[in-house]
Amino acid sequence: MKTNLRYSQDDLKEFEEIIVEKLQKSRDDLANLKGSIARLEGEGGKTAGNIDDGSEAQEKEHLNQLAARLQKYIMDLEKAHFRIKNGTYGICLDTGTLISKERLRIVPHTQQTVEAKKRKL
């Protein structure tokens, strides 16, 4: 029995819609985070309830870490979107087999099957 080496155009369209939706939400979330960071920096110690400097610094650090993770996620989604355009989307880097549709629906930016990911752990 021959296995498919690529997803159909209909499948790719479905995945693209998922990725575009997640990209938009993530970009909106990142903009909100950056706004929160800017507000904290603009308040310069004048936060409501007079949070001490250590708590304020900790809050800024936490927000910056969240923003950095979101930026990486956005980049990963953009790369996945590019893979759809160039026809390599959904192919495991380690095994060369198709990643399951279920996995791609949940983690659309993945480049590994579950089995390949488990082997690396």
PDB file of N, CA and C in Angstrom:
ATOM      1  N   MET A   1       0.838  -1.182   0.000  1.00  0.00           N
ATOM      2  CA  MET A   1       0.000   0.000   0.000  1.00  0.00           C
ATOM      3  C   MET A   1       0.885   1.247   0.000  1.00  0.00           C
ATOM      4  N   LYS A   2       0.619   2.129  -0.902  1.00  0.00           N
ATOM      5  CA  LYS A   2       1.407   3.356  -1.036  1.00  0.00           C
ATOM      6  C   LYS A   2       0.903   4.415  -0.048  1.00  0.00           C
ATOM      7  N   THR A   3       1.820   5.055   0.663  1.00  0.00           N
ATOM      8  CA  THR A   3       1.433   6.125   1.588  1.00  0.00           C
ATOM      9  C   THR A   3       1.637   7.467   0.902  1.00  0.00           C
ATOM     10  N   ASN A   4       0.801   8.420   1.271  1.00  0.00           N
ATOM     11  CA  ASN A   4       0.923   9.762   0.698  1.00  0.00           C
ATOM     12  C   ASN A   4       2.190  10.439   1.207  1.00  0.00           C
ATOM     13  N   LEU A   5       2.862  11.127   0.318  1.00  0.00           N
ATOM     14  CA  LEU A   5       4.065  11.845   0.696  1.00  0.00           C
ATOM     15  C   LEU A   5       3.779  13.324   0.928  1.00  0.00           C
ATOM     16  N   ARG A   6       2.596  13.758   0.554  1.00  0.00           N
ATOM     17  CA  ARG A   6       2.193  15.156   0.714  1.00  0.00           C
ATOM     18  C   ARG A   6       0.703  15.203   1.018  1.00  0.00           C
ATOM     19  N   TYR A   7       0.299  16.293   1.661  1.00  0.00           N
ATOM     20  CA  TYR A   7      -1.123  16.511   1.899  1.00  0.00           C
ATOM     21  C   TYR A   7      -1.776  17.117   0.657  1.00  0.00           C
ATOM     22  N   SER A   8      -3.074  16.867   0.521  1.00  0.00           N
ATOM     23  CA  SER A   8      -3.820  17.396  -0.624  1.00  0.00           C
ATOM     24  C   SER A   8      -3.974  18.908  -0.483  1.00  0.00           C
ATOM     25  N   GLN A   9      -4.359  19.553  -1.554  1.00  0.00           N
ATOM     26  CA  GLN A   9      -4.588  21.009  -1.524  1.00  0.00           C
ATOM     27  C   GLN A   9      -5.709  21.361  -0.545  1.00  0.00           C
ATOM     28  N   ASP A  10      -6.737  20.518  -0.461  1.00  0.00           N
ATOM     29  CA  ASP A  10      -7.823  20.763   0.498  1.00  0.00           C
ATOM     30  C   ASP A  10      -7.313  20.689   1.933  1.00  0.00           C
ATOM     31  N   ASP A  11      -6.463  19.688   2.218  1.00  0.00           N
ATOM     32  CA  ASP A  11      -5.875  19.572   3.555  1.00  0.00           C
ATOM     33  C   ASP A  11      -5.011  20.796   3.864  1.00  0.00           C
ATOM     34  N   LEU A  12      -4.189  21.179   2.896  1.00  0.00           N
ATOM     35  CA  LEU A  12      -3.310  22.334   3.093  1.00  0.00           C
ATOM     36  C   LEU A  12      -4.113  23.610   3.322  1.00  0.00           C
ATOM     37  N   LYS A  13      -5.232  23.730   2.642  1.00  0.00           N
ATOM     38  CA  LYS A  13      -6.097  24.905   2.828  1.00  0.00           C
ATOM     39  C   LYS A  13      -6.636  24.935   4.260  1.00  0.00           C
ATOM     40  N   GLU A  14      -7.045  23.783   4.764  1.00  0.00           N
ATOM     41  CA  GLU A  14      -7.532  23.693   6.150  1.00  0.00           C
ATOM     42  C   GLU A  14      -6.424  24.113   7.129  1.00  0.00           C
ATOM     43  N   PHE A  15      -5.231  23.571   6.937  1.00  0.00           N
ATOM     44  CA  PHE A  15      -4.120  23.904   7.832  1.00  0.00           C
ATOM     45  C   PHE A  15      -3.749  25.384   7.734  1.00  0.00           C
ATOM     46  N   GLU A  16      -3.805  25.909   6.531  1.00  0.00           N
ATOM     47  CA  GLU A  16      -3.491  27.326   6.340  1.00  0.00           C
ATOM     48  C   GLU A  16      -4.485  28.200   7.105  1.00  0.00           C
ATOM     49  N   GLU A  17      -5.745  27.845   7.066  1.00  0.00           N
ATOM     50  CA  GLU A  17      -6.757  28.614   7.800  1.00  0.00           C
ATOM     51  C   GLU A  17      -6.480  28.583   9.297  1.00  0.00           C
ATOM     52  N   ILE A  18      -6.102  27.423   9.812  1.00  0.00           N
ATOM     53  CA  ILE A  18      -5.765  27.293  11.228  1.00  0.00           C
ATOM     54  C   ILE A  18      -4.577  28.188  11.569  1.00  0.00           C
ATOM     55  N   ILE A  19      -3.545  28.134  10.728  1.00  0.00           N
ATOM     56  CA  ILE A  19      -2.337  28.913  10.978  1.00  0.00           C
ATOM     57  C   ILE A  19      -2.618  30.408  10.911  1.00  0.00           C
ATOM     58  N   VAL A  20      -3.353  30.843   9.916  1.00  0.00           N
ATOM     59  CA  VAL A  20      -3.659  32.269   9.770  1.00  0.00           C
ATOM     60  C   VAL A  20      -4.460  32.763  10.980  1.00  0.00           C
ATOM     61  N   GLU A  21      -5.400  31.960  11.436  1.00  0.00           N
ATOM     62  CA  GLU A  21      -6.195  32.334  12.617  1.00  0.00           C
ATOM     63  C   GLU A  21      -5.310  32.445  13.860  1.00  0.00           C
ATOM     64  N   LYS A  22      -4.434  31.463  14.049  1.00  0.00           N
ATOM     65  CA  LYS A  22      -3.537  31.491  15.209  1.00  0.00           C
ATOM     66  C   LYS A  22      -2.542  32.647  15.109  1.00  0.00           C
ATOM     67  N   LEU A  23      -2.086  32.946  13.909  1.00  0.00           N
ATOM     68  CA  LEU A  23      -1.185  34.085  13.711  1.00  0.00           C
ATOM     69  C   LEU A  23      -1.856  35.396  14.114  1.00  0.00           C
ATOM     70  N   GLN A  24      -3.085  35.597  13.673  1.00  0.00           N
ATOM     71  CA  GLN A  24      -3.797  36.835  13.997  1.00  0.00           C
ATOM     72  C   GLN A  24      -4.000  36.972  15.507  1.00  0.00           C
ATOM     73  N   LYS A  25      -4.443  35.896  16.150  1.00  0.00           N
ATOM     74  CA  LYS A  25      -4.662  35.936  17.593  1.00  0.00           C
ATOM     75  C   LYS A  25      -3.353  36.198  18.331  1.00  0.00           C
ATOM     76  N   SER A  26      -2.302  35.537  17.903  1.00  0.00           N
ATOM     77  CA  SER A  26      -1.000  35.702  18.566  1.00  0.00           C
ATOM     78  C   SER A  26      -0.458  37.112  18.380  1.00  0.00           C
ATOM     79  N   ARG A  27      -0.625  37.669  17.196  1.00  0.00           N
ATOM     80  CA  ARG A  27      -0.176  39.047  16.962  1.00  0.00           C
ATOM     81  C   ARG A  27      -0.965  40.030  17.817  1.00  0.00           C
ATOM     82  N   ASP A  28      -2.270  39.802  17.951  1.00  0.00           N
ATOM     83  CA  ASP A  28      -3.092  40.647  18.822  1.00  0.00           C
ATOM     84  C   ASP A  28      -2.640  40.528  20.279  1.00  0.00           C
ATOM     85  N   ASP A  29      -2.405  39.282  20.722  1.00  0.00           N
ATOM     86  CA  ASP A  29      -1.937  39.055  22.089  1.00  0.00           C
ATOM     87  C   ASP A  29      -0.595  39.732  22.332  1.00  0.00           C
ATOM     88  N   LEU A  30       0.297  39.659  21.347  1.00  0.00           N
ATOM     89  CA  LEU A  30       1.612  40.286  21.484  1.00  0.00           C
ATOM     90  C   LEU A  30       1.476  41.807  21.576  1.00  0.00           C
ATOM     91  N   ALA A  31       0.612  42.379  20.779  1.00  0.00           N
ATOM     92  CA  ALA A  31       0.390  43.827  20.836  1.00  0.00           C
ATOM     93  C   ALA A  31      -0.131  44.230  22.212  1.00  0.00           C
ATOM     94  N   ASN A  32      -1.044  43.434  22.771  1.00  0.00           N
ATOM     95  CA  ASN A  32      -1.558  43.719  24.111  1.00  0.00           C
ATOM     96  C   ASN A  32      -0.464  43.615  25.167  1.00  0.00           C
ATOM     97  N   LEU A  33       0.374  42.590  25.044  1.00  0.00           N
ATOM     98  CA  LEU A  33       1.489  42.436  25.986  1.00  0.00           C
ATOM     99  C   LEU A  33       2.452  43.620  25.909  1.00  0.00           C
ATOM    100  N   LYS A  34       2.774  44.018  24.693  1.00  0.00           N
ATOM    101  CA  LYS A  34       3.679  45.157  24.524  1.00  0.00           C
ATOM    102  C   LYS A  34       3.061  46.419  25.112  1.00  0.00           C
ATOM    103  N   GLY A  35       1.745  46.566  24.984  1.00  0.00           N
ATOM    104  CA  GLY A  35       1.062  47.703  25.588  1.00  0.00           C
ATOM    105  C   GLY A  35       1.162  47.671  27.097  1.00  0.00           C
ATOM    106  N   SER A  36       1.001  46.503  27.683  1.00  0.00           N
ATOM    107  CA  SER A  36       1.132  46.363  29.140  1.00  0.00           C
ATOM    108  C   SER A  36       2.548  46.678  29.600  1.00  0.00           C
ATOM    109  N   ILE A  37       3.514  46.219  28.852  1.00  0.00           N
ATOM    110  CA  ILE A  37       4.920  46.496  29.191  1.00  0.00           C
ATOM    111  C   ILE A  37       5.180  47.997  29.114  1.00  0.00           C
ATOM    112  N   ALA A  38       4.696  48.626  28.059  1.00  0.00           N
ATOM    113  CA  ALA A  38       4.904  50.071  27.894  1.00  0.00           C
ATOM    114  C   ALA A  38       4.240  50.847  29.026  1.00  0.00           C
ATOM    115  N   ARG A  39       3.049  50.410  29.435  1.00  0.00           N
ATOM    116  CA  ARG A  39       2.373  51.089  30.547  1.00  0.00           C
ATOM    117  C   ARG A  39       3.170  50.961  31.835  1.00  0.00           C
ATOM    118  N   LEU A  40       3.683  49.761  32.089  1.00  0.00           N
ATOM    119  CA  LEU A  40       4.492  49.558  33.295  1.00  0.00           C
ATOM    120  C   LEU A  40       5.739  50.431  33.263  1.00  0.00           C
ATOM    121  N   GLU A  41       6.386  50.486  32.115  1.00  0.00           N
ATOM    122  CA  GLU A  41       7.598  51.311  31.994  1.00  0.00           C
ATOM    123  C   GLU A  41       7.270  52.784  32.090  1.00  0.00           C
ATOM    124  N   GLY A  42       6.136  53.191  31.576  1.00  0.00           N
ATOM    125  CA  GLY A  42       5.731  54.590  31.616  1.00  0.00           C
ATOM    126  C   GLY A  42       5.340  55.056  32.997  1.00  0.00           C
ATOM    127  N   GLU A  43       4.855  54.107  33.812  1.00  0.00           N
ATOM    128  CA  GLU A  43       4.440  54.475  35.162  1.00  0.00           C
ATOM    129  C   GLU A  43       5.634  54.680  36.077  1.00  0.00           C
ATOM    130  N   GLY A  44       6.742  54.058  35.753  1.00  0.00           N
ATOM    131  CA  GLY A  44       7.993  54.264  36.489  1.00  0.00           C
ATOM    132  C   GLY A  44       7.855  54.330  37.993  1.00  0.00           C
ATOM    133  N   GLY A  45       7.307  53.278  38.603  1.00  0.00           N
ATOM    134  CA  GLY A  45       7.196  53.245  40.052  1.00  0.00           C
ATOM    135  C   GLY A  45       5.907  53.841  40.568  1.00  0.00           C
ATOM    136  N   LYS A  46       5.046  54.299  39.717  1.00  0.00           N
ATOM    137  CA  LYS A  46       3.785  54.908  40.145  1.00  0.00           C
ATOM    138  C   LYS A  46       2.616  53.961  39.886  1.00  0.00           C
ATOM    139  N   THR A  47       2.838  52.665  40.088  1.00  0.00           N
ATOM    140  CA  THR A  47       1.786  51.699  39.822  1.00  0.00           C
ATOM    141  C   THR A  47       0.717  51.764  40.892  1.00  0.00           C
ATOM    142  N   ALA A  48      -0.478  51.363  40.506  1.00  0.00           N
ATOM    143  CA  ALA A  48      -1.595  51.363  41.451  1.00  0.00           C
ATOM    144  C   ALA A  48      -1.259  50.478  42.634  1.00  0.00           C
ATOM    145  N   GLY A  49      -1.569  50.954  43.821  1.00  0.00           N
ATOM    146  CA  GLY A  49      -1.287  50.186  45.015  1.00  0.00           C
ATOM    147  C   GLY A  49       0.162  50.275  45.446  1.00  0.00           C
ATOM    148  N   ASN A  50       0.934  51.113  44.810  1.00  0.00           N
ATOM    149  CA  ASN A  50       2.342  51.310  45.147  1.00  0.00           C
ATOM    150  C   ASN A  50       3.112  49.995  45.273  1.00  0.00           C
ATOM    151  N   ILE A  51       3.075  49.202  44.222  1.00  0.00           N
ATOM    152  CA  ILE A  51       3.850  47.963  44.180  1.00  0.00           C
ATOM    153  C   ILE A  51       5.320  48.333  44.307  1.00  0.00           C
ATOM    154  N   ASP A  52       6.037  47.602  45.138  1.00  0.00           N
ATOM    155  CA  ASP A  52       7.455  47.944  45.308  1.00  0.00           C
ATOM    156  C   ASP A  52       8.235  47.690  44.029  1.00  0.00           C
ATOM    157  N   ASP A  53       9.424  48.284  43.956  1.00  0.00           N
ATOM    158  CA  ASP A  53      10.241  48.190  42.747  1.00  0.00           C
ATOM    159  C   ASP A  53      10.545  46.751  42.348  1.00  0.00           C
ATOM    160  N   GLY A  54      10.763  45.887  43.331  1.00  0.00           N
ATOM    161  CA  GLY A  54      11.070  44.488  43.036  1.00  0.00           C
ATOM    162  C   GLY A  54       9.902  43.786  42.367  1.00  0.00           C
ATOM    163  N   SER A  55       8.703  44.040  42.863  1.00  0.00           N
ATOM    164  CA  SER A  55       7.510  43.422  42.267  1.00  0.00           C
ATOM    165  C   SER A  55       7.278  43.953  40.863  1.00  0.00           C
ATOM    166  N   GLU A  56       7.506  45.243  40.689  1.00  0.00           N
ATOM    167  CA  GLU A  56       7.328  45.845  39.366  1.00  0.00           C
ATOM    168  C   GLU A  56       8.332  45.273  38.373  1.00  0.00           C
ATOM    169  N   ALA A  57       9.568  45.136  38.805  1.00  0.00           N
ATOM    170  CA  ALA A  57      10.604  44.562  37.943  1.00  0.00           C
ATOM    171  C   ALA A  57      10.277  43.113  37.607  1.00  0.00           C
ATOM    172  N   GLN A  58       9.771  42.384  38.584  1.00  0.00           N
ATOM    173  CA  GLN A  58       9.400  40.987  38.367  1.00  0.00           C
ATOM    174  C   GLN A  58       8.240  40.898  37.365  1.00  0.00           C
ATOM    175  N   GLU A  59       7.277  41.778  37.498  1.00  0.00           N
ATOM    176  CA  GLU A  59       6.140  41.802  36.573  1.00  0.00           C
ATOM    177  C   GLU A  59       6.604  42.123  35.152  1.00  0.00           C
ATOM    178  N   LYS A  60       7.492  43.107  35.011  1.00  0.00           N
ATOM    179  CA  LYS A  60       8.025  43.451  33.683  1.00  0.00           C
ATOM    180  C   LYS A  60       8.781  42.276  33.081  1.00  0.00           C
ATOM    181  N   GLU A  61       9.586  41.607  33.896  1.00  0.00           N
ATOM    182  CA  GLU A  61      10.353  40.460  33.419  1.00  0.00           C
ATOM    183  C   GLU A  61       9.408  39.349  32.949  1.00  0.00           C
ATOM    184  N   HIS A  62       8.368  39.104  33.722  1.00  0.00           N
ATOM    185  CA  HIS A  62       7.388  38.081  33.357  1.00  0.00           C
ATOM    186  C   HIS A  62       6.720  38.427  32.021  1.00  0.00           C
ATOM    187  N   LEU A  63       6.298  39.663  31.875  1.00  0.00           N
ATOM    188  CA  LEU A  63       5.655  40.092  30.627  1.00  0.00           C
ATOM    189  C   LEU A  63       6.622  40.018  29.452  1.00  0.00           C
ATOM    190  N   ASN A  64       7.875  40.379  29.676  1.00  0.00           N
ATOM    191  CA  ASN A  64       8.882  40.288  28.607  1.00  0.00           C
ATOM    192  C   ASN A  64       9.121  38.837  28.192  1.00  0.00           C
ATOM    193  N   GLN A  65       9.118  37.920  29.165  1.00  0.00           N
ATOM    194  CA  GLN A  65       9.282  36.501  28.832  1.00  0.00           C
ATOM    195  C   GLN A  65       8.097  35.986  28.022  1.00  0.00           C
ATOM    196  N   LEU A  66       6.887  36.387  28.437  1.00  0.00           N
ATOM    197  CA  LEU A  66       5.702  35.996  27.674  1.00  0.00           C
ATOM    198  C   LEU A  66       5.763  36.540  26.254  1.00  0.00           C
ATOM    199  N   ALA A  67       6.184  37.792  26.118  1.00  0.00           N
ATOM    200  CA  ALA A  67       6.294  38.411  24.790  1.00  0.00           C
ATOM    201  C   ALA A  67       7.323  37.682  23.931  1.00  0.00           C
ATOM    202  N   ALA A  68       8.446  37.305  24.520  1.00  0.00           N
ATOM    203  CA  ALA A  68       9.482  36.592  23.772  1.00  0.00           C
ATOM    204  C   ALA A  68       8.975  35.232  23.304  1.00  0.00           C
ATOM    205  N   ARG A  69       8.239  34.528  24.161  1.00  0.00           N
ATOM    206  CA  ARG A  69       7.679  33.230  23.765  1.00  0.00           C
ATOM    207  C   ARG A  69       6.661  33.394  22.657  1.00  0.00           C
ATOM    208  N   LEU A  70       5.840  34.432  22.757  1.00  0.00           N
ATOM    209  CA  LEU A  70       4.844  34.686  21.711  1.00  0.00           C
ATOM    210  C   LEU A  70       5.515  35.038  20.386  1.00  0.00           C
ATOM    211  N   GLN A  71       6.592  35.814  20.443  1.00  0.00           N
ATOM    212  CA  GLN A  71       7.319  36.164  19.213  1.00  0.00           C
ATOM    213  C   GLN A  71       7.889  34.911  18.553  1.00  0.00           C
ATOM    214  N   LYS A  72       8.419  33.991  19.359  1.00  0.00           N
ATOM    215  CA  LYS A  72       8.952  32.749  18.809  1.00  0.00           C
ATOM    216  C   LYS A  72       7.819  31.920  18.189  1.00  0.00           C
ATOM    217  N   TYR A  73       6.685  31.855  18.874  1.00  0.00           N
ATOM    218  CA  TYR A  73       5.531  31.115  18.369  1.00  0.00           C
ATOM    219  C   TYR A  73       5.065  31.705  17.039  1.00  0.00           C
ATOM    220  N   ILE A  74       5.018  33.016  16.956  1.00  0.00           N
ATOM    221  CA  ILE A  74       4.620  33.687  15.715  1.00  0.00           C
ATOM    222  C   ILE A  74       5.597  33.346  14.589  1.00  0.00           C
ATOM    223  N   MET A  75       6.886  33.372  14.897  1.00  0.00           N
ATOM    224  CA  MET A  75       7.889  33.014  13.878  1.00  0.00           C
ATOM    225  C   MET A  75       7.704  31.563  13.427  1.00  0.00           C
ATOM    226  N   ASP A  76       7.431  30.667  14.374  1.00  0.00           N
ATOM    227  CA  ASP A  76       7.211  29.258  14.024  1.00  0.00           C
ATOM    228  C   ASP A  76       5.973  29.100  13.141  1.00  0.00           C
ATOM    229  N   LEU A  77       4.920  29.837  13.454  1.00  0.00           N
ATOM    230  CA  LEU A  77       3.708  29.793  12.625  1.00  0.00           C
ATOM    231  C   LEU A  77       3.978  30.359  11.234  1.00  0.00           C
ATOM    232  N   GLU A  78       4.744  31.442  11.159  1.00  0.00           N
ATOM    233  CA  GLU A  78       5.084  32.025   9.853  1.00  0.00           C
ATOM    234  C   GLU A  78       5.904  31.043   9.013  1.00  0.00           C
ATOM    235  N   LYS A  79       6.814  30.327   9.660  1.00  0.00           N
ATOM    236  CA  LYS A  79       7.604  29.316   8.942  1.00  0.00           C
ATOM    237  C   LYS A  79       6.704  28.181   8.444  1.00  0.00           C
ATOM    238  N   ALA A  80       5.739  27.775   9.277  1.00  0.00           N
ATOM    239  CA  ALA A  80       4.796  26.731   8.868  1.00  0.00           C
ATOM    240  C   ALA A  80       3.968  27.208   7.672  1.00  0.00           C
ATOM    241  N   HIS A  81       3.563  28.466   7.709  1.00  0.00           N
ATOM    242  CA  HIS A  81       2.796  29.039   6.590  1.00  0.00           C
ATOM    243  C   HIS A  81       3.644  29.014   5.315  1.00  0.00           C
ATOM    244  N   PHE A  82       4.915  29.321   5.436  1.00  0.00           N
ATOM    245  CA  PHE A  82       5.826  29.259   4.290  1.00  0.00           C
ATOM    246  C   PHE A  82       5.941  27.830   3.767  1.00  0.00           C
ATOM    247  N   ARG A  83       5.998  26.843   4.703  1.00  0.00           N
ATOM    248  CA  ARG A  83       6.093  25.439   4.279  1.00  0.00           C
ATOM    249  C   ARG A  83       4.848  25.004   3.505  1.00  0.00           C
ATOM    250  N   ILE A  84       3.701  25.563   3.871  1.00  0.00           N
ATOM    251  CA  ILE A  84       2.490  25.261   3.102  1.00  0.00           C
ATOM    252  C   ILE A  84       2.677  25.767   1.673  1.00  0.00           C
ATOM    253  N   LYS A  85       3.177  26.991   1.549  1.00  0.00           N
ATOM    254  CA  LYS A  85       3.354  27.606   0.223  1.00  0.00           C
ATOM    255  C   LYS A  85       4.380  26.856  -0.630  1.00  0.00           C
ATOM    256  N   ASN A  86       5.437  26.316   0.004  1.00  0.00           N
ATOM    257  CA  ASN A  86       6.451  25.644  -0.806  1.00  0.00           C
ATOM    258  C   ASN A  86       6.266  24.124  -0.888  1.00  0.00           C
ATOM    259  N   GLY A  87       5.174  23.630  -0.289  1.00  0.00           N
ATOM    260  CA  GLY A  87       4.834  22.220  -0.455  1.00  0.00           C
ATOM    261  C   GLY A  87       5.515  21.240   0.472  1.00  0.00           C
ATOM    262  N   THR A  88       6.158  21.710   1.528  1.00  0.00           N
ATOM    263  CA  THR A  88       6.837  20.798   2.447  1.00  0.00           C
ATOM    264  C   THR A  88       6.128  20.671   3.790  1.00  0.00           C
ATOM    265  N   TYR A  89       4.959  21.272   3.911  1.00  0.00           N
ATOM    266  CA  TYR A  89       4.238  21.268   5.182  1.00  0.00           C
ATOM    267  C   TYR A  89       3.752  19.863   5.544  1.00  0.00           C
ATOM    268  N   GLY A  90       3.891  19.527   6.820  1.00  0.00           N
ATOM    269  CA  GLY A  90       3.350  18.270   7.326  1.00  0.00           C
ATOM    270  C   GLY A  90       4.264  17.078   7.182  1.00  0.00           C
ATOM    271  N   ILE A  91       5.487  17.301   6.730  1.00  0.00           N
ATOM    272  CA  ILE A  91       6.443  16.212   6.565  1.00  0.00           C
ATOM    273  C   ILE A  91       7.436  16.264   7.727  1.00  0.00           C
ATOM    274  N   CYS A  92       7.567  15.159   8.439  1.00  0.00           N
ATOM    275  CA  CYS A  92       8.458  15.084   9.595  1.00  0.00           C
ATOM    276  C   CYS A  92       9.912  15.244   9.153  1.00  0.00           C
ATOM    277  N   LEU A  93      10.620  16.127   9.844  1.00  0.00           N
ATOM    278  CA  LEU A  93      12.039  16.343   9.529  1.00  0.00           C
ATOM    279  C   LEU A  93      12.887  15.109   9.800  1.00  0.00           C
ATOM    280  N   ASP A  94      12.508  14.326  10.814  1.00  0.00           N
ATOM    281  CA  ASP A  94      13.320  13.185  11.221  1.00  0.00           C
ATOM    282  C   ASP A  94      13.036  11.921  10.426  1.00  0.00           C
ATOM    283  N   THR A  95      11.754  11.682  10.113  1.00  0.00           N
ATOM    284  CA  THR A  95      11.391  10.417   9.476  1.00  0.00           C
ATOM    285  C   THR A  95      10.998  10.552   8.012  1.00  0.00           C
ATOM    286  N   GLY A  96      10.664  11.755   7.573  1.00  0.00           N
ATOM    287  CA  GLY A  96      10.223  11.961   6.203  1.00  0.00           C
ATOM    288  C   GLY A  96       8.795  11.499   5.953  1.00  0.00           C
ATOM    289  N   THR A  97       8.109  11.080   7.011  1.00  0.00           N
ATOM    290  CA  THR A  97       6.713  10.645   6.879  1.00  0.00           C
ATOM    291  C   THR A  97       5.773  11.807   7.168  1.00  0.00           C
ATOM    292  N   LEU A  98       4.508  11.620   6.809  1.00  0.00           N
ATOM    293  CA  LEU A  98       3.530  12.665   7.091  1.00  0.00           C
ATOM    294  C   LEU A  98       3.203  12.697   8.580  1.00  0.00           C
ATOM    295  N   ILE A  99       3.124  13.902   9.104  1.00  0.00           N
ATOM    296  CA  ILE A  99       2.682  14.115  10.479  1.00  0.00           C
ATOM    297  C   ILE A  99       1.159  13.978  10.460  1.00  0.00           C
ATOM    298  N   SER A 100       0.606  13.367  11.481  1.00  0.00           N
ATOM    299  CA  SER A 100      -0.841  13.131  11.493  1.00  0.00           C
ATOM    300  C   SER A 100      -1.623  14.445  11.453  1.00  0.00           C
ATOM    301  N   LYS A 101      -2.762  14.377  10.797  1.00  0.00           N
ATOM    302  CA  LYS A 101      -3.624  15.561  10.707  1.00  0.00           C
ATOM    303  C   LYS A 101      -4.040  16.032  12.097  1.00  0.00           C
ATOM    304  N   GLU A 102      -4.317  15.075  12.976  1.00  0.00           N
ATOM    305  CA  GLU A 102      -4.734  15.429  14.333  1.00  0.00           C
ATOM    306  C   GLU A 102      -3.663  16.256  15.035  1.00  0.00           C
ATOM    307  N   ARG A 103      -2.418  15.834  14.896  1.00  0.00           N
ATOM    308  CA  ARG A 103      -1.308  16.572  15.526  1.00  0.00           C
ATOM    309  C   ARG A 103      -1.170  17.963  14.904  1.00  0.00           C
ATOM    310  N   LEU A 104      -1.268  18.042  13.587  1.00  0.00           N
ATOM    311  CA  LEU A 104      -1.132  19.336  12.911  1.00  0.00           C
ATOM    312  C   LEU A 104      -2.269  20.291  13.263  1.00  0.00           C
ATOM    313  N   ARG A 105      -3.435  19.748  13.529  1.00  0.00           N
ATOM    314  CA  ARG A 105      -4.552  20.615  13.936  1.00  0.00           C
ATOM    315  C   ARG A 105      -4.307  21.199  15.327  1.00  0.00           C
ATOM    316  N   ILE A 106      -3.655  20.440  16.174  1.00  0.00           N
ATOM    317  CA  ILE A 106      -3.381  20.891  17.546  1.00  0.00           C
ATOM    318  C   ILE A 106      -2.113  21.734  17.607  1.00  0.00           C
ATOM    319  N   VAL A 107      -1.070  21.290  16.908  1.00  0.00           N
ATOM    320  CA  VAL A 107       0.230  21.974  16.906  1.00  0.00           C
ATOM    321  C   VAL A 107       0.611  22.238  15.447  1.00  0.00           C
ATOM    322  N   PRO A 108      -0.012  23.247  14.829  1.00  0.00           N
ATOM    323  CA  PRO A 108       0.156  23.430  13.382  1.00  0.00           C
ATOM    324  C   PRO A 108       1.566  23.807  12.943  1.00  0.00           C
ATOM    325  N   HIS A 109       2.415  24.213  13.865  1.00  0.00           N
ATOM    326  CA  HIS A 109       3.773  24.603  13.498  1.00  0.00           C
ATOM    327  C   HIS A 109       4.785  23.468  13.684  1.00  0.00           C
ATOM    328  N   THR A 110       4.317  22.306  14.133  1.00  0.00           N
ATOM    329  CA  THR A 110       5.241  21.203  14.397  1.00  0.00           C
ATOM    330  C   THR A 110       5.917  20.717  13.118  1.00  0.00           C
ATOM    331  N   GLN A 111       7.103  20.167  13.304  1.00  0.00           N
ATOM    332  CA  GLN A 111       7.836  19.587  12.180  1.00  0.00           C
ATOM    333  C   GLN A 111       8.225  18.143  12.478  1.00  0.00           C
ATOM    334  N   GLN A 112       7.578  17.576  13.513  1.00  0.00           N
ATOM    335  CA  GLN A 112       7.892  16.205  13.896  1.00  0.00           C
ATOM    336  C   GLN A 112       6.622  15.422  14.213  1.00  0.00           C
ATOM    337  N   THR A 113       6.665  14.123  13.908  1.00  0.00           N
ATOM    338  CA  THR A 113       5.604  13.242  14.370  1.00  0.00           C
ATOM    339  C   THR A 113       5.734  13.095  15.878  1.00  0.00           C
ATOM    340  N   VAL A 114       4.699  12.608  16.515  1.00  0.00           N
ATOM    341  CA  VAL A 114       4.751  12.370  17.977  1.00  0.00           C
ATOM    342  C   VAL A 114       5.868  11.395  18.299  1.00  0.00           C
ATOM    343  N   GLU A 115       5.986  10.355  17.487  1.00  0.00           N
ATOM    344  CA  GLU A 115       7.000   9.329  17.732  1.00  0.00           C
ATOM    345  C   GLU A 115       8.414   9.915  17.646  1.00  0.00           C
ATOM    346  N   ALA A 116       8.660  10.723  16.640  1.00  0.00           N
ATOM    347  CA  ALA A 116       9.983  11.352  16.500  1.00  0.00           C
ATOM    348  C   ALA A 116      10.269  12.296  17.649  1.00  0.00           C
ATOM    349  N   LYS A 117       9.279  13.010  18.101  1.00  0.00           N
ATOM    350  CA  LYS A 117       9.440  13.934  19.221  1.00  0.00           C
ATOM    351  C   LYS A 117       9.762  13.160  20.502  1.00  0.00           C
ATOM    352  N   LYS A 118       9.080  12.037  20.723  1.00  0.00           N
ATOM    353  CA  LYS A 118       9.321  11.223  21.914  1.00  0.00           C
ATOM    354  C   LYS A 118      10.742  10.656  21.918  1.00  0.00           C
ATOM    355  N   ARG A 119      11.232  10.280  20.743  1.00  0.00           N
ATOM    356  CA  ARG A 119      12.588   9.731  20.652  1.00  0.00           C
ATOM    357  C   ARG A 119      13.647  10.745  21.056  1.00  0.00           C
ATOM    358  N   LYS A 120      13.355  12.034  20.853  1.00  0.00           N
ATOM    359  CA  LYS A 120      14.334  13.071  21.178  1.00  0.00           C
ATOM    360  C   LYS A 120      14.336  13.414  22.660  1.00  0.00           C
ATOM    361  N   LEU A 121      13.263  13.035  23.368  1.00  0.00           N
ATOM    362  CA  LEU A 121      13.180  13.362  24.799  1.00  0.00           C
ATOM    363  C   LEU A 121      14.034  12.502  25.621  1.00  0.00           C
TER     364      LEU A 121
END
